[in-house]
């Protein structure tokens, strides 16, 4: 009985998590855009400029995936690209602060 409850709860969480990707795309994209703005507000060097430019490119791709999404995978691609863009922006911010 206990195993059945755990399995049902696990399946529910998996289904809820994948269904919510469509709604998290704009949030993750916005977070990446905010980090890019923060990176641009700091001391931009040639090294950090490359990271910021890559982040901007990935955010544009994420937005396109989200806007043209037909499947859950498209939303997943949008979230993945936005998270990667955020990581590039965070790296640029870290490199700006000694």
PDB file of N, CA and C in Angstrom:
ATOM      1  N   UNK A   1       0.823  -1.194   0.000  1.00  0.00           N
ATOM      2  CA  UNK A   1       0.000   0.000   0.000  1.00  0.00           C
ATOM      3  C   UNK A   1       0.865   1.255   0.000  1.00  0.00           C
ATOM      4  N   UNK A   2       1.865   1.277   0.858  1.00  0.00           N
ATOM      5  CA  UNK A   2       2.746   2.440   0.963  1.00  0.00           C
ATOM      6  C   UNK A   2       3.495   2.665  -0.348  1.00  0.00           C
ATOM      7  N   UNK A   3       3.943   1.604  -0.997  1.00  0.00           N
ATOM      8  CA  UNK A   3       4.639   1.712  -2.275  1.00  0.00           C
ATOM      9  C   UNK A   3       3.728   2.289  -3.339  1.00  0.00           C
ATOM     10  N   UNK A   4       2.481   1.904  -3.331  1.00  0.00           N
ATOM     11  CA  UNK A   4       1.523   2.419  -4.314  1.00  0.00           C
ATOM     12  C   UNK A   4       1.328   3.917  -4.152  1.00  0.00           C
ATOM     13  N   UNK A   5       1.260   4.379  -2.916  1.00  0.00           N
ATOM     14  CA  UNK A   5       1.095   5.813  -2.662  1.00  0.00           C
ATOM     15  C   UNK A   5       2.311   6.578  -3.165  1.00  0.00           C
ATOM     16  N   UNK A   6       3.492   6.051  -2.904  1.00  0.00           N
ATOM     17  CA  UNK A   6       4.722   6.701  -3.360  1.00  0.00           C
ATOM     18  C   UNK A   6       4.765   6.756  -4.883  1.00  0.00           C
ATOM     19  N   UNK A   7       4.374   5.685  -5.543  1.00  0.00           N
ATOM     20  CA  UNK A   7       4.367   5.660  -7.000  1.00  0.00           C
ATOM     21  C   UNK A   7       3.379   6.666  -7.576  1.00  0.00           C
ATOM     22  N   UNK A   8       2.195   6.751  -6.986  1.00  0.00           N
ATOM     23  CA  UNK A   8       1.183   7.701  -7.458  1.00  0.00           C
ATOM     24  C   UNK A   8       1.680   9.134  -7.261  1.00  0.00           C
ATOM     25  N   UNK A   9       2.247   9.416  -6.107  1.00  0.00           N
ATOM     26  CA  UNK A   9       2.772  10.768  -5.854  1.00  0.00           C
ATOM     27  C   UNK A   9       3.916  11.111  -6.797  1.00  0.00           C
ATOM     28  N   UNK A  10       4.795  10.162  -7.044  1.00  0.00           N
ATOM     29  CA  UNK A  10       5.913  10.392  -7.962  1.00  0.00           C
ATOM     30  C   UNK A  10       5.408  10.683  -9.365  1.00  0.00           C
ATOM     31  N   UNK A  11       4.450   9.894  -9.830  1.00  0.00           N
ATOM     32  CA  UNK A  11       3.901  10.103 -11.171  1.00  0.00           C
ATOM     33  C   UNK A  11       3.220  11.462 -11.270  1.00  0.00           C
ATOM     34  N   UNK A  12       2.527  11.852 -10.219  1.00  0.00           N
ATOM     35  CA  UNK A  12       1.846  13.157 -10.208  1.00  0.00           C
ATOM     36  C   UNK A  12       2.852  14.291 -10.301  1.00  0.00           C
ATOM     37  N   UNK A  13       3.937  14.188  -9.542  1.00  0.00           N
ATOM     38  CA  UNK A  13       4.967  15.233  -9.577  1.00  0.00           C
ATOM     39  C   UNK A  13       5.632  15.331 -10.941  1.00  0.00           C
ATOM     40  N   UNK A  14       5.900  14.197 -11.554  1.00  0.00           N
ATOM     41  CA  UNK A  14       6.523  14.205 -12.883  1.00  0.00           C
ATOM     42  C   UNK A  14       5.602  14.855 -13.897  1.00  0.00           C
ATOM     43  N   UNK A  15       4.344  14.481 -13.887  1.00  0.00           N
ATOM     44  CA  UNK A  15       3.384  15.052 -14.834  1.00  0.00           C
ATOM     45  C   UNK A  15       3.169  16.536 -14.581  1.00  0.00           C
ATOM     46  N   UNK A  16       3.083  16.932 -13.345  1.00  0.00           N
ATOM     47  CA  UNK A  16       2.885  18.352 -13.016  1.00  0.00           C
ATOM     48  C   UNK A  16       4.109  19.159 -13.413  1.00  0.00           C
ATOM     49  N   UNK A  17       5.296  18.597 -13.199  1.00  0.00           N
ATOM     50  CA  UNK A  17       6.523  19.302 -13.554  1.00  0.00           C
ATOM     51  C   UNK A  17       6.652  19.524 -15.045  1.00  0.00           C
ATOM     52  N   UNK A  18       6.333  18.526 -15.846  1.00  0.00           N
ATOM     53  CA  UNK A  18       6.462  18.687 -17.292  1.00  0.00           C
ATOM     54  C   UNK A  18       5.369  19.588 -17.847  1.00  0.00           C
ATOM     55  N   UNK A  19       4.198  19.563 -17.245  1.00  0.00           N
ATOM     56  CA  UNK A  19       3.109  20.425 -17.708  1.00  0.00           C
ATOM     57  C   UNK A  19       3.373  21.883 -17.375  1.00  0.00           C
ATOM     58  N   UNK A  20       4.144  22.131 -16.330  1.00  0.00           N
ATOM     59  CA  UNK A  20       4.384  23.514 -15.911  1.00  0.00           C
ATOM     60  C   UNK A  20       5.478  24.191 -16.720  1.00  0.00           C
ATOM     61  N   UNK A  21       6.227  23.461 -17.534  1.00  0.00           N
ATOM     62  CA  UNK A  21       7.284  24.085 -18.343  1.00  0.00           C
ATOM     63  C   UNK A  21       6.732  25.215 -19.198  1.00  0.00           C
ATOM     64  N   UNK A  22       5.552  25.036 -19.727  1.00  0.00           N
ATOM     65  CA  UNK A  22       4.969  26.061 -20.589  1.00  0.00           C
ATOM     66  C   UNK A  22       4.797  27.369 -19.841  1.00  0.00           C
ATOM     67  N   UNK A  23       4.581  27.280 -18.548  1.00  0.00           N
ATOM     68  CA  UNK A  23       4.360  28.487 -17.762  1.00  0.00           C
ATOM     69  C   UNK A  23       5.646  29.032 -17.169  1.00  0.00           C
ATOM     70  N   UNK A  24       6.697  28.233 -17.098  1.00  0.00           N
ATOM     71  CA  UNK A  24       7.943  28.723 -16.518  1.00  0.00           C
ATOM     72  C   UNK A  24       8.849  29.368 -17.553  1.00  0.00           C
ATOM     73  N   UNK A  25       8.616  29.138 -18.813  1.00  0.00           N
ATOM     74  CA  UNK A  25       9.466  29.736 -19.849  1.00  0.00           C
ATOM     75  C   UNK A  25       9.615  31.244 -19.666  1.00  0.00           C
ATOM     76  N   UNK A  26       8.512  31.994 -19.587  1.00  0.00           N
ATOM     77  CA  UNK A  26       8.651  33.448 -19.453  1.00  0.00           C
ATOM     78  C   UNK A  26       9.406  33.858 -18.194  1.00  0.00           C
ATOM     79  N   UNK A  27       9.227  33.114 -17.113  1.00  0.00           N
ATOM     80  CA  UNK A  27       9.906  33.445 -15.858  1.00  0.00           C
ATOM     81  C   UNK A  27      11.409  33.239 -15.993  1.00  0.00           C
ATOM     82  N   UNK A  28      11.809  32.112 -16.544  1.00  0.00           N
ATOM     83  CA  UNK A  28      13.231  31.804 -16.688  1.00  0.00           C
ATOM     84  C   UNK A  28      13.868  32.753 -17.704  1.00  0.00           C
ATOM     85  N   UNK A  29      13.160  33.075 -18.773  1.00  0.00           N
ATOM     86  CA  UNK A  29      13.668  34.022 -19.768  1.00  0.00           C
ATOM     87  C   UNK A  29      13.860  35.394 -19.123  1.00  0.00           C
ATOM     88  N   UNK A  30      12.912  35.831 -18.315  1.00  0.00           N
ATOM     89  CA  UNK A  30      13.007  37.127 -17.629  1.00  0.00           C
ATOM     90  C   UNK A  30      14.188  37.143 -16.675  1.00  0.00           C
ATOM     91  N   UNK A  31      14.403  36.058 -15.952  1.00  0.00           N
ATOM     92  CA  UNK A  31      15.545  35.973 -15.038  1.00  0.00           C
ATOM     93  C   UNK A  31      16.858  36.111 -15.807  1.00  0.00           C
ATOM     94  N   UNK A  32      16.950  35.447 -16.954  1.00  0.00           N
ATOM     95  CA  UNK A  32      18.162  35.536 -17.773  1.00  0.00           C
ATOM     96  C   UNK A  32      18.361  36.963 -18.283  1.00  0.00           C
ATOM     97  N   UNK A  33      17.292  37.599 -18.731  1.00  0.00           N
ATOM     98  CA  UNK A  33      17.388  38.975 -19.215  1.00  0.00           C
ATOM     99  C   UNK A  33      17.838  39.922 -18.103  1.00  0.00           C
ATOM    100  N   UNK A  34      17.342  39.719 -16.897  1.00  0.00           N
ATOM    101  CA  UNK A  34      17.745  40.552 -15.763  1.00  0.00           C
ATOM    102  C   UNK A  34      19.228  40.376 -15.451  1.00  0.00           C
ATOM    103  N   UNK A  35      19.706  39.136 -15.511  1.00  0.00           N
ATOM    104  CA  UNK A  35      21.127  38.885 -15.270  1.00  0.00           C
ATOM    105  C   UNK A  35      21.993  39.507 -16.365  1.00  0.00           C
ATOM    106  N   UNK A  36      21.513  39.486 -17.597  1.00  0.00           N
ATOM    107  CA  UNK A  36      22.253  40.109 -18.700  1.00  0.00           C
ATOM    108  C   UNK A  36      22.353  41.614 -18.469  1.00  0.00           C
ATOM    109  N   UNK A  37      21.258  42.237 -18.055  1.00  0.00           N
ATOM    110  CA  UNK A  37      21.279  43.677 -17.759  1.00  0.00           C
ATOM    111  C   UNK A  37      22.268  43.981 -16.646  1.00  0.00           C
ATOM    112  N   UNK A  38      22.277  43.137 -15.622  1.00  0.00           N
ATOM    113  CA  UNK A  38      23.212  43.329 -14.508  1.00  0.00           C
ATOM    114  C   UNK A  38      24.651  43.200 -14.988  1.00  0.00           C
ATOM    115  N   UNK A  39      24.901  42.230 -15.864  1.00  0.00           N
ATOM    116  CA  UNK A  39      26.249  42.043 -16.405  1.00  0.00           C
ATOM    117  C   UNK A  39      26.668  43.237 -17.254  1.00  0.00           C
ATOM    118  N   UNK A  40      25.736  43.783 -18.024  1.00  0.00           N
ATOM    119  CA  UNK A  40      26.050  44.934 -18.871  1.00  0.00           C
ATOM    120  C   UNK A  40      26.274  46.202 -18.053  1.00  0.00           C
ATOM    121  N   UNK A  41      25.697  46.256 -16.855  1.00  0.00           N
ATOM    122  CA  UNK A  41      25.844  47.436 -16.004  1.00  0.00           C
ATOM    123  C   UNK A  41      27.224  47.476 -15.337  1.00  0.00           C
ATOM    124  N   UNK A  42      27.888  46.332 -15.283  1.00  0.00           N
ATOM    125  CA  UNK A  42      29.213  46.263 -14.674  1.00  0.00           C
ATOM    126  C   UNK A  42      30.297  46.656 -15.661  1.00  0.00           C
ATOM    127  N   UNK A  43      31.530  46.406 -15.253  1.00  0.00           N
ATOM    128  CA  UNK A  43      32.684  46.710 -16.113  1.00  0.00           C
ATOM    129  C   UNK A  43      32.814  45.614 -17.174  1.00  0.00           C
ATOM    130  N   UNK A  44      32.467  45.967 -18.397  1.00  0.00           N
ATOM    131  CA  UNK A  44      32.484  44.990 -19.489  1.00  0.00           C
ATOM    132  C   UNK A  44      33.872  44.982 -20.131  1.00  0.00           C
ATOM    133  N   UNK A  45      34.472  43.799 -20.155  1.00  0.00           N
ATOM    134  CA  UNK A  45      35.773  43.593 -20.791  1.00  0.00           C
ATOM    135  C   UNK A  45      35.541  42.766 -22.058  1.00  0.00           C
ATOM    136  N   UNK A  46      36.568  42.635 -22.896  1.00  0.00           N
ATOM    137  CA  UNK A  46      36.383  41.773 -24.079  1.00  0.00           C
ATOM    138  C   UNK A  46      35.977  40.342 -23.706  1.00  0.00           C
ATOM    139  N   UNK A  47      36.508  39.850 -22.603  1.00  0.00           N
ATOM    140  CA  UNK A  47      36.178  38.493 -22.161  1.00  0.00           C
ATOM    141  C   UNK A  47      34.713  38.393 -21.736  1.00  0.00           C
ATOM    142  N   UNK A  48      34.245  39.359 -20.956  1.00  0.00           N
ATOM    143  CA  UNK A  48      32.856  39.317 -20.499  1.00  0.00           C
ATOM    144  C   UNK A  48      31.894  39.684 -21.625  1.00  0.00           C
ATOM    145  N   UNK A  49      32.330  40.485 -22.585  1.00  0.00           N
ATOM    146  CA  UNK A  49      31.480  40.848 -23.728  1.00  0.00           C
ATOM    147  C   UNK A  49      31.068  39.588 -24.494  1.00  0.00           C
ATOM    148  N   UNK A  50      32.001  38.660 -24.681  1.00  0.00           N
ATOM    149  CA  UNK A  50      31.677  37.412 -25.390  1.00  0.00           C
ATOM    150  C   UNK A  50      30.615  36.615 -24.640  1.00  0.00           C
ATOM    151  N   UNK A  51      30.738  36.566 -23.321  1.00  0.00           N
ATOM    152  CA  UNK A  51      29.756  35.845 -22.518  1.00  0.00           C
ATOM    153  C   UNK A  51      28.387  36.506 -22.594  1.00  0.00           C
ATOM    154  N   UNK A  52      28.362  37.828 -22.530  1.00  0.00           N
ATOM    155  CA  UNK A  52      27.096  38.570 -22.599  1.00  0.00           C
ATOM    156  C   UNK A  52      26.441  38.392 -23.963  1.00  0.00           C
ATOM    157  N   UNK A  53      27.244  38.470 -25.016  1.00  0.00           N
ATOM    158  CA  UNK A  53      26.694  38.289 -26.367  1.00  0.00           C
ATOM    159  C   UNK A  53      26.113  36.887 -26.551  1.00  0.00           C
ATOM    160  N   UNK A  54      26.805  35.885 -26.026  1.00  0.00           N
ATOM    161  CA  UNK A  54      26.299  34.505 -26.113  1.00  0.00           C
ATOM    162  C   UNK A  54      25.000  34.366 -25.319  1.00  0.00           C
ATOM    163  N   UNK A  55      24.944  35.005 -24.164  1.00  0.00           N
ATOM    164  CA  UNK A  55      23.733  34.967 -23.350  1.00  0.00           C
ATOM    165  C   UNK A  55      22.556  35.606 -24.092  1.00  0.00           C
ATOM    166  N   UNK A  56      22.807  36.732 -24.737  1.00  0.00           N
ATOM    167  CA  UNK A  56      21.745  37.403 -25.501  1.00  0.00           C
ATOM    168  C   UNK A  56      21.238  36.526 -26.638  1.00  0.00           C
ATOM    169  N   UNK A  57      22.167  35.866 -27.319  1.00  0.00           N
ATOM    170  CA  UNK A  57      21.793  34.982 -28.426  1.00  0.00           C
ATOM    171  C   UNK A  57      20.907  33.841 -27.921  1.00  0.00           C
ATOM    172  N   UNK A  58      21.288  33.251 -26.800  1.00  0.00           N
ATOM    173  CA  UNK A  58      20.524  32.137 -26.246  1.00  0.00           C
ATOM    174  C   UNK A  58      19.149  32.579 -25.746  1.00  0.00           C
ATOM    175  N   UNK A  59      19.054  33.774 -25.190  1.00  0.00           N
ATOM    176  CA  UNK A  59      17.752  34.276 -24.744  1.00  0.00           C
ATOM    177  C   UNK A  59      16.832  34.479 -25.946  1.00  0.00           C
ATOM    178  N   UNK A  60      17.374  34.994 -27.032  1.00  0.00           N
ATOM    179  CA  UNK A  60      16.564  35.172 -28.243  1.00  0.00           C
ATOM    180  C   UNK A  60      16.066  33.815 -28.753  1.00  0.00           C
ATOM    181  N   UNK A  61      16.931  32.818 -28.728  1.00  0.00           N
ATOM    182  CA  UNK A  61      16.530  31.472 -29.148  1.00  0.00           C
ATOM    183  C   UNK A  61      15.484  30.897 -28.200  1.00  0.00           C
ATOM    184  N   UNK A  62      15.664  31.124 -26.902  1.00  0.00           N
ATOM    185  CA  UNK A  62      14.699  30.630 -25.916  1.00  0.00           C
ATOM    186  C   UNK A  62      13.329  31.260 -26.146  1.00  0.00           C
ATOM    187  N   UNK A  63      13.319  32.558 -26.396  1.00  0.00           N
ATOM    188  CA  UNK A  63      12.052  33.257 -26.640  1.00  0.00           C
ATOM    189  C   UNK A  63      11.374  32.689 -27.897  1.00  0.00           C
ATOM    190  N   UNK A  64      12.146  32.435 -28.944  1.00  0.00           N
ATOM    191  CA  UNK A  64      11.585  31.878 -30.177  1.00  0.00           C
ATOM    192  C   UNK A  64      11.016  30.479 -29.934  1.00  0.00           C
ATOM    193  N   UNK A  65      11.749  29.655 -29.183  1.00  0.00           N
ATOM    194  CA  UNK A  65      11.242  28.308 -28.867  1.00  0.00           C
ATOM    195  C   UNK A  65       9.923  28.397 -28.120  1.00  0.00           C
ATOM    196  N   UNK A  66       9.854  29.319 -27.158  1.00  0.00           N
ATOM    197  CA  UNK A  66       8.631  29.442 -26.363  1.00  0.00           C
ATOM    198  C   UNK A  66       7.462  29.943 -27.217  1.00  0.00           C
ATOM    199  N   UNK A  67       7.709  30.975 -28.008  1.00  0.00           N
ATOM    200  CA  UNK A  67       6.627  31.571 -28.796  1.00  0.00           C
ATOM    201  C   UNK A  67       6.114  30.633 -29.887  1.00  0.00           C
ATOM    202  N   UNK A  68       6.990  29.779 -30.411  1.00  0.00           N
ATOM    203  CA  UNK A  68       6.595  28.868 -31.483  1.00  0.00           C
ATOM    204  C   UNK A  68       6.390  27.434 -30.987  1.00  0.00           C
ATOM    205  N   UNK A  69       6.271  27.262 -29.689  1.00  0.00           N
ATOM    206  CA  UNK A  69       6.185  25.922 -29.106  1.00  0.00           C
ATOM    207  C   UNK A  69       4.923  25.191 -29.551  1.00  0.00           C
ATOM    208  N   UNK A  70       5.137  23.951 -29.949  1.00  0.00           N
ATOM    209  CA  UNK A  70       4.033  23.077 -30.317  1.00  0.00           C
ATOM    210  C   UNK A  70       4.008  21.844 -29.418  1.00  0.00           C
ATOM    211  N   UNK A  71       5.124  21.566 -28.767  1.00  0.00           N
ATOM    212  CA  UNK A  71       5.230  20.394 -27.900  1.00  0.00           C
ATOM    213  C   UNK A  71       5.894  20.778 -26.584  1.00  0.00           C
ATOM    214  N   UNK A  72       5.842  19.861 -25.631  1.00  0.00           N
ATOM    215  CA  UNK A  72       6.522  20.069 -24.352  1.00  0.00           C
ATOM    216  C   UNK A  72       8.024  20.193 -24.561  1.00  0.00           C
ATOM    217  N   UNK A  73       8.521  19.470 -25.539  1.00  0.00           N
ATOM    218  CA  UNK A  73       9.958  19.524 -25.817  1.00  0.00           C
ATOM    219  C   UNK A  73      10.387  20.934 -26.217  1.00  0.00           C
ATOM    220  N   UNK A  74       9.552  21.631 -26.985  1.00  0.00           N
ATOM    221  CA  UNK A  74       9.867  23.009 -27.372  1.00  0.00           C
ATOM    222  C   UNK A  74       9.975  23.901 -26.136  1.00  0.00           C
ATOM    223  N   UNK A  75       9.063  23.713 -25.190  1.00  0.00           N
ATOM    224  CA  UNK A  75       9.131  24.478 -23.945  1.00  0.00           C
ATOM    225  C   UNK A  75      10.373  24.084 -23.148  1.00  0.00           C
ATOM    226  N   UNK A  76      10.698  22.807 -23.161  1.00  0.00           N
ATOM    227  CA  UNK A  76      11.904  22.339 -22.483  1.00  0.00           C
ATOM    228  C   UNK A  76      13.149  22.958 -23.092  1.00  0.00           C
ATOM    229  N   UNK A  77      13.186  23.050 -24.421  1.00  0.00           N
ATOM    230  CA  UNK A  77      14.319  23.694 -25.094  1.00  0.00           C
ATOM    231  C   UNK A  77      14.414  25.166 -24.706  1.00  0.00           C
ATOM    232  N   UNK A  78      13.276  25.823 -24.598  1.00  0.00           N
ATOM    233  CA  UNK A  78      13.266  27.239 -24.216  1.00  0.00           C
ATOM    234  C   UNK A  78      13.823  27.417 -22.808  1.00  0.00           C
ATOM    235  N   UNK A  79      13.387  26.587 -21.892  1.00  0.00           N
ATOM    236  CA  UNK A  79      13.869  26.676 -20.512  1.00  0.00           C
ATOM    237  C   UNK A  79      15.360  26.383 -20.451  1.00  0.00           C
ATOM    238  N   UNK A  80      15.804  25.341 -21.151  1.00  0.00           N
ATOM    239  CA  UNK A  80      17.221  24.975 -21.143  1.00  0.00           C
ATOM    240  C   UNK A  80      18.086  26.106 -21.681  1.00  0.00           C
ATOM    241  N   UNK A  81      17.671  26.705 -22.788  1.00  0.00           N
ATOM    242  CA  UNK A  81      18.461  27.790 -23.378  1.00  0.00           C
ATOM    243  C   UNK A  81      18.463  29.025 -22.479  1.00  0.00           C
ATOM    244  N   UNK A  82      17.345  29.312 -21.857  1.00  0.00           N
ATOM    245  CA  UNK A  82      17.284  30.466 -20.948  1.00  0.00           C
ATOM    246  C   UNK A  82      18.168  30.238 -19.727  1.00  0.00           C
ATOM    247  N   UNK A  83      18.174  29.026 -19.207  1.00  0.00           N
ATOM    248  CA  UNK A  83      19.037  28.721 -18.059  1.00  0.00           C
ATOM    249  C   UNK A  83      20.513  28.807 -18.447  1.00  0.00           C
ATOM    250  N   UNK A  84      20.837  28.362 -19.640  1.00  0.00           N
ATOM    251  CA  UNK A  84      22.219  28.457 -20.114  1.00  0.00           C
ATOM    252  C   UNK A  84      22.619  29.920 -20.295  1.00  0.00           C
ATOM    253  N   UNK A  85      21.700  30.723 -20.817  1.00  0.00           N
ATOM    254  CA  UNK A  85      21.959  32.164 -20.967  1.00  0.00           C
ATOM    255  C   UNK A  85      22.203  32.792 -19.604  1.00  0.00           C
ATOM    256  N   UNK A  86      21.418  32.423 -18.619  1.00  0.00           N
ATOM    257  CA  UNK A  86      21.598  32.951 -17.267  1.00  0.00           C
ATOM    258  C   UNK A  86      22.966  32.562 -16.718  1.00  0.00           C
ATOM    259  N   UNK A  87      23.396  31.348 -17.000  1.00  0.00           N
ATOM    260  CA  UNK A  87      24.708  30.898 -16.529  1.00  0.00           C
ATOM    261  C   UNK A  87      25.831  31.721 -17.170  1.00  0.00           C
ATOM    262  N   UNK A  88      25.721  32.014 -18.463  1.00  0.00           N
ATOM    263  CA  UNK A  88      26.733  32.846 -19.120  1.00  0.00           C
ATOM    264  C   UNK A  88      26.754  34.248 -18.514  1.00  0.00           C
ATOM    265  N   UNK A  89      25.587  34.807 -18.263  1.00  0.00           N
ATOM    266  CA  UNK A  89      25.511  36.143 -17.671  1.00  0.00           C
ATOM    267  C   UNK A  89      26.090  36.144 -16.255  1.00  0.00           C
ATOM    268  N   UNK A  90      25.783  35.116 -15.479  1.00  0.00           N
ATOM    269  CA  UNK A  90      26.335  35.018 -14.129  1.00  0.00           C
ATOM    270  C   UNK A  90      27.855  34.915 -14.160  1.00  0.00           C
ATOM    271  N   UNK A  91      28.374  34.178 -15.119  1.00  0.00           N
ATOM    272  CA  UNK A  91      29.823  34.054 -15.245  1.00  0.00           C
ATOM    273  C   UNK A  91      30.446  35.413 -15.552  1.00  0.00           C
ATOM    274  N   UNK A  92      29.795  36.173 -16.425  1.00  0.00           N
ATOM    275  CA  UNK A  92      30.302  37.511 -16.745  1.00  0.00           C
ATOM    276  C   UNK A  92      30.300  38.395 -15.504  1.00  0.00           C
ATOM    277  N   UNK A  93      29.249  38.308 -14.706  1.00  0.00           N
ATOM    278  CA  UNK A  93      29.164  39.096 -13.463  1.00  0.00           C
ATOM    279  C   UNK A  93      30.285  38.706 -12.503  1.00  0.00           C
ATOM    280  N   UNK A  94      30.524  37.427 -12.367  1.00  0.00           N
ATOM    281  CA  UNK A  94      31.575  36.943 -11.459  1.00  0.00           C
ATOM    282  C   UNK A  94      32.944  37.426 -11.930  1.00  0.00           C
ATOM    283  N   UNK A  95      33.203  37.385 -13.224  1.00  0.00           N
ATOM    284  CA  UNK A  95      34.509  37.815 -13.747  1.00  0.00           C
ATOM    285  C   UNK A  95      34.709  39.320 -13.606  1.00  0.00           C
ATOM    286  N   UNK A  96      33.629  40.085 -13.504  1.00  0.00           N
ATOM    287  CA  UNK A  96      33.742  41.533 -13.352  1.00  0.00           C
ATOM    288  C   UNK A  96      34.151  41.919 -11.933  1.00  0.00           C
ATOM    289  N   UNK A  97      33.869  41.065 -10.980  1.00  0.00           N
ATOM    290  CA  UNK A  97      34.184  41.358  -9.579  1.00  0.00           C
ATOM    291  C   UNK A  97      35.409  40.568  -9.133  1.00  0.00           C
ATOM    292  N   UNK A  98      36.494  41.278  -8.873  1.00  0.00           N
ATOM    293  CA  UNK A  98      37.729  40.563  -8.479  1.00  0.00           C
ATOM    294  C   UNK A  98      37.637  39.904  -7.121  1.00  0.00           C
TER     295      UNK A  98
END
